[in-house]
């Protein structure tokens, strides 16, 4: 379907973002293959316990991986989850100070922990493995401070549910290439999932490899377009060549 289009000069090709969903779904499968070739296989297995995943993802918002890990480590030095709930909020904020916006994240984390304990009598999230995906997503996103990205990471990484986390890197790469039109991260979760197969290993690998590509090549400013394995079908490259501008997006609930 796409070969005749690819034979056209770049200036005459319709942009990916304006094409039908069926063509953009094919584009995502092509992107999967290209980043797979570049970054390799990703074994689908949990990287950490569900509660660790949940709280660390809240900490990760607008924060580097190194600072996220440091903040989580200091948070857990306060004690178990019950102890963290009872700790004065300003001390929780101090413990997670390596994470950006600790003053807002500390009360959200405590409220999330309190809500889980009140609803479940503890902190075991394994019931999410059997709950219908739509219900599991709603349960998680109803928690204070938990958005679609955080809920999707827990469900996909820990329980192999067919959801697709969209972080800032996945959002940027998908938008620049044109798999989705320009939209916010929250809308992008639904738009991309609608185009992708309900195959957790596929979704897991695509997420991780697009994230890696966004970190290494398709960066926020000064993307390394000559080194990009997606450039031949990329909307941004078709428009700007190797001078793709910085990617502007607004912060949102994670």
Protein backbone atom coordinates (compact mmCIF):
# COMPACT_ATOMS: atom_id res chain seq x y z
CA UNK A 1 0.00 0.00 0.00
CA UNK A 2 2.80 2.41 0.85
CA UNK A 3 5.33 1.58 -1.89
CA UNK A 4 3.86 3.91 -4.58
CA UNK A 5 3.80 6.72 -2.04
CA UNK A 6 7.41 6.09 -1.09
CA UNK A 7 8.34 6.37 -4.76
CA UNK A 8 7.19 9.99 -4.87
CA UNK A 9 9.56 12.87 -4.21
CA UNK A 10 9.43 13.89 -0.55
CA UNK A 11 7.63 17.16 -1.27
CA UNK A 12 4.79 15.32 -3.05
CA UNK A 13 4.11 12.67 -0.40
CA UNK A 14 1.09 13.08 1.84
CA UNK A 15 2.16 13.31 5.45
CA UNK A 16 1.75 10.16 7.52
CA UNK A 17 -0.28 12.00 10.14
CA UNK A 18 -2.99 12.73 7.54
CA UNK A 19 -3.27 9.15 6.30
CA UNK A 20 -5.98 6.64 7.29
CA UNK A 21 -5.57 4.62 10.48
CA UNK A 22 -4.86 1.43 8.51
CA UNK A 23 -1.80 3.04 6.92
CA UNK A 24 -0.59 4.48 10.20
CA UNK A 25 -0.99 1.07 11.82
CA UNK A 26 1.25 -0.35 9.09
CA UNK A 27 3.70 2.50 9.73
CA UNK A 28 3.91 1.54 13.41
CA UNK A 29 4.68 -2.06 12.50
CA UNK A 30 7.43 -0.79 10.19
CA UNK A 31 8.74 1.38 13.03
CA UNK A 32 8.71 -1.67 15.30
CA UNK A 33 10.89 -3.58 12.81
CA UNK A 34 13.30 -0.70 12.32
CA UNK A 35 13.91 0.01 16.00
CA UNK A 36 14.08 -3.74 16.66
CA UNK A 37 16.92 -3.97 14.16
CA UNK A 38 18.62 -1.02 15.82
CA UNK A 39 18.18 -1.87 19.51
CA UNK A 40 17.44 -5.59 19.58
CA UNK A 41 15.07 -7.94 21.40
CA UNK A 42 13.45 -6.99 24.69
CA UNK A 43 12.49 -9.85 26.96
CA UNK A 44 9.12 -9.13 28.48
CA UNK A 45 9.60 -9.50 32.21
CA UNK A 46 8.88 -7.24 35.19
CA UNK A 47 11.76 -4.94 36.03
CA UNK A 48 10.57 -4.39 39.62
CA UNK A 49 7.72 -5.22 41.99
CA UNK A 50 4.29 -3.69 41.20
CA UNK A 51 4.28 -1.18 44.08
CA UNK A 52 7.85 -0.21 43.26
CA UNK A 53 6.81 0.32 39.63
CA UNK A 54 3.81 2.39 40.66
CA UNK A 55 5.57 4.73 43.08
CA UNK A 56 8.75 5.03 41.02
CA UNK A 57 6.75 6.04 37.96
CA UNK A 58 5.09 8.82 39.95
CA UNK A 59 8.59 9.93 41.00
CA UNK A 60 9.88 9.72 37.43
CA UNK A 61 7.71 12.52 36.06
CA UNK A 62 10.03 15.22 34.69
CA UNK A 63 12.96 13.48 36.42
CA UNK A 64 15.99 11.52 35.20
CA UNK A 65 16.20 7.79 35.83
CA UNK A 66 19.17 8.29 38.16
CA UNK A 67 17.34 10.84 40.30
CA UNK A 68 14.19 8.71 40.29
CA UNK A 69 16.14 5.74 41.67
CA UNK A 70 17.82 7.92 44.30
CA UNK A 71 14.49 9.41 45.39
CA UNK A 72 12.85 5.99 45.64
CA UNK A 73 15.75 4.64 47.69
CA UNK A 74 15.55 7.49 50.19
CA UNK A 75 11.76 7.21 50.34
CA UNK A 76 11.98 3.55 51.33
CA UNK A 77 14.42 4.43 54.08
CA UNK A 78 11.47 6.02 55.86
CA UNK A 79 10.02 2.53 56.38
CA UNK A 80 7.27 0.40 54.91
CA UNK A 81 4.29 1.86 53.05
CA UNK A 82 2.31 2.31 56.28
CA UNK A 83 5.21 4.25 57.78
CA UNK A 84 5.45 6.47 54.70
CA UNK A 85 1.75 7.33 55.02
CA UNK A 86 2.26 8.37 58.65
CA UNK A 87 5.46 10.35 58.03
CA UNK A 88 5.01 14.14 57.98
CA UNK A 89 4.59 15.21 54.38
CA UNK A 90 7.49 17.66 54.51
CA UNK A 91 9.81 14.78 55.49
CA UNK A 92 8.51 12.69 52.59
CA UNK A 93 9.18 15.65 50.28
CA UNK A 94 12.72 15.91 51.68
CA UNK A 95 13.29 12.19 51.12
CA UNK A 96 12.29 12.47 47.44
CA UNK A 97 14.04 15.80 46.84
CA UNK A 98 16.10 14.31 43.98
CA UNK A 99 12.84 14.02 42.06
CA UNK A 100 11.51 17.19 40.47
CA UNK A 101 8.52 18.82 42.20
CA UNK A 102 8.87 16.87 45.48
CA UNK A 103 6.45 19.22 47.28
CA UNK A 104 3.62 18.15 44.97
CA UNK A 105 4.64 14.52 44.58
CA UNK A 106 4.94 13.80 48.33
CA UNK A 107 1.26 14.38 49.20
CA UNK A 108 0.20 12.57 46.02
CA UNK A 109 2.26 9.52 46.93
CA UNK A 110 0.84 9.48 50.45
CA UNK A 111 -2.70 9.88 49.12
CA UNK A 112 -2.15 7.06 46.62
CA UNK A 113 -0.82 4.73 49.31
CA UNK A 114 -3.69 5.62 51.62
CA UNK A 115 -6.26 4.95 48.89
CA UNK A 116 -4.74 1.55 48.06
CA UNK A 117 -4.71 0.52 51.72
CA UNK A 118 -8.29 1.67 52.24
CA UNK A 119 -9.59 -0.17 49.19
CA UNK A 120 -7.50 -3.35 49.36
CA UNK A 121 -6.50 -3.67 53.02
CA UNK A 122 -2.85 -3.80 51.97
CA UNK A 123 -0.57 -3.18 49.03
CA UNK A 124 -0.89 -6.32 46.91
CA UNK A 125 -1.80 -5.31 43.35
CA UNK A 126 -1.91 -8.79 41.83
CA UNK A 127 -5.70 -8.64 41.51
CA UNK A 128 -5.03 -6.40 38.48
CA UNK A 129 -3.77 -9.44 36.56
CA UNK A 130 -7.28 -10.89 36.28
CA UNK A 131 -9.41 -7.75 36.23
CA UNK A 132 -10.69 -6.68 32.78
CA UNK A 133 -8.19 -4.26 31.30
CA UNK A 134 -10.64 -1.37 31.14
CA UNK A 135 -11.55 -1.85 34.81
CA UNK A 136 -7.92 -2.25 35.86
CA UNK A 137 -7.00 0.98 34.09
CA UNK A 138 -9.88 2.80 35.74
CA UNK A 139 -8.97 1.46 39.19
CA UNK A 140 -5.41 2.69 38.83
CA UNK A 141 -6.22 6.05 37.29
CA UNK A 142 -8.77 6.72 40.01
CA UNK A 143 -5.87 6.75 42.49
CA UNK A 144 -4.57 10.24 43.36
CA UNK A 145 -1.70 11.24 41.12
CA UNK A 146 -1.89 8.19 38.83
CA UNK A 147 -2.38 8.96 35.15
CA UNK A 148 -2.52 6.84 32.02
CA UNK A 149 1.25 6.52 31.67
CA UNK A 150 1.77 5.25 35.22
CA UNK A 151 -1.21 2.89 35.04
CA UNK A 152 -0.14 1.57 31.63
CA UNK A 153 3.41 0.89 32.80
CA UNK A 154 2.20 -1.12 35.80
CA UNK A 155 -0.28 -3.12 33.72
CA UNK A 156 2.06 -3.83 30.81
CA UNK A 157 5.34 -4.31 32.66
CA UNK A 158 4.08 -6.24 35.67
CA UNK A 159 1.00 -8.03 34.37
CA UNK A 160 1.49 -8.26 30.58
CA UNK A 161 -1.81 -6.54 29.86
CA UNK A 162 -2.37 -5.18 26.32
CA UNK A 163 -1.87 -1.47 27.00
CA UNK A 164 0.73 0.95 25.63
CA UNK A 165 2.53 3.44 27.88
CA UNK A 166 3.28 6.76 26.22
CA UNK A 167 6.04 8.71 27.89
CA UNK A 168 7.62 11.89 26.57
CA UNK A 169 10.03 9.98 24.29
CA UNK A 170 7.42 7.66 22.77
CA UNK A 171 5.11 10.64 22.26
CA UNK A 172 7.80 12.71 20.56
CA UNK A 173 9.00 9.98 18.18
CA UNK A 174 5.47 8.89 17.24
CA UNK A 175 4.40 12.47 16.57
CA UNK A 176 7.46 13.44 14.55
CA UNK A 177 7.25 10.36 12.36
CA UNK A 178 3.51 10.94 11.95
CA UNK A 179 2.04 7.76 13.42
CA UNK A 180 -0.33 10.14 15.19
CA UNK A 181 -1.21 13.79 14.57
CA UNK A 182 0.03 16.32 17.12
CA UNK A 183 -1.88 15.84 20.38
CA UNK A 184 -1.19 15.66 24.12
CA UNK A 185 0.31 12.61 25.80
CA UNK A 186 -3.00 11.62 27.36
CA UNK A 187 -4.80 11.52 24.01
CA UNK A 188 -1.79 9.78 22.44
CA UNK A 189 -2.26 6.73 24.69
CA UNK A 190 -5.67 6.06 23.19
CA UNK A 191 -4.74 7.02 19.64
CA UNK A 192 -1.68 4.76 19.51
CA UNK A 193 -3.34 1.82 21.26
CA UNK A 194 -6.12 1.91 18.67
CA UNK A 195 -3.49 1.38 15.93
CA UNK A 196 -1.42 -1.30 17.67
CA UNK A 197 -2.00 -5.06 17.97
CA UNK A 198 -3.21 -6.29 21.40
CA UNK A 199 0.06 -8.19 21.84
CA UNK A 200 1.83 -7.41 25.14
CA UNK A 201 5.33 -8.56 24.05
CA UNK A 202 5.02 -6.41 20.91
CA UNK A 203 3.78 -3.42 22.91
CA UNK A 204 6.50 -3.87 25.54
CA UNK A 205 9.32 -4.01 22.99
CA UNK A 206 7.97 -1.12 20.94
CA UNK A 207 7.65 1.04 24.05
CA UNK A 208 11.20 0.34 25.22
CA UNK A 209 12.80 0.72 21.80
CA UNK A 210 10.97 3.96 20.98
CA UNK A 211 11.98 5.26 24.41
CA UNK A 212 15.61 4.38 23.69
CA UNK A 213 15.37 5.99 20.25
CA UNK A 214 13.95 9.16 21.77
CA UNK A 215 16.75 9.29 24.33
CA UNK A 216 19.58 8.63 21.89
CA UNK A 217 18.51 9.98 18.50
CA UNK A 218 15.11 11.69 18.31
CA UNK A 219 15.91 14.03 21.17
CA UNK A 220 13.87 17.02 22.34
CA UNK A 221 16.32 19.52 20.84
CA UNK A 222 18.70 18.99 17.94
CA UNK A 223 17.58 15.45 16.98
CA UNK A 224 20.28 13.40 15.25
CA UNK A 225 18.36 12.94 12.00
CA UNK A 226 21.29 11.65 9.88
CA UNK A 227 21.63 8.73 12.34
CA UNK A 228 17.88 8.00 12.49
CA UNK A 229 16.63 4.65 11.20
CA UNK A 230 13.12 6.11 10.83
CA UNK A 231 13.98 9.16 8.76
CA UNK A 232 12.97 7.72 5.37
CA UNK A 233 9.31 7.69 6.45
CA UNK A 234 9.37 10.52 8.97
CA UNK A 235 7.03 13.50 8.54
CA UNK A 236 9.34 15.88 10.40
CA UNK A 237 12.32 14.88 8.25
CA UNK A 238 10.23 15.23 5.09
CA UNK A 239 9.37 18.80 6.11
CA UNK A 240 12.61 20.01 7.72
CA UNK A 241 15.32 17.66 6.49
CA UNK A 242 18.13 17.41 9.02
CA UNK A 243 17.03 20.63 10.76
CA UNK A 244 14.02 19.35 12.70
CA UNK A 245 13.14 21.93 15.37
CA UNK A 246 12.77 21.33 19.10
CA UNK A 247 9.65 19.47 20.09
CA UNK A 248 7.22 21.58 22.15
CA UNK A 249 4.82 19.80 24.48
CA UNK A 250 3.02 20.73 27.66
CA UNK A 251 3.56 18.84 30.95
CA UNK A 252 0.64 16.66 31.99
CA UNK A 253 -0.51 14.13 34.55
CA UNK A 254 1.84 11.14 34.31
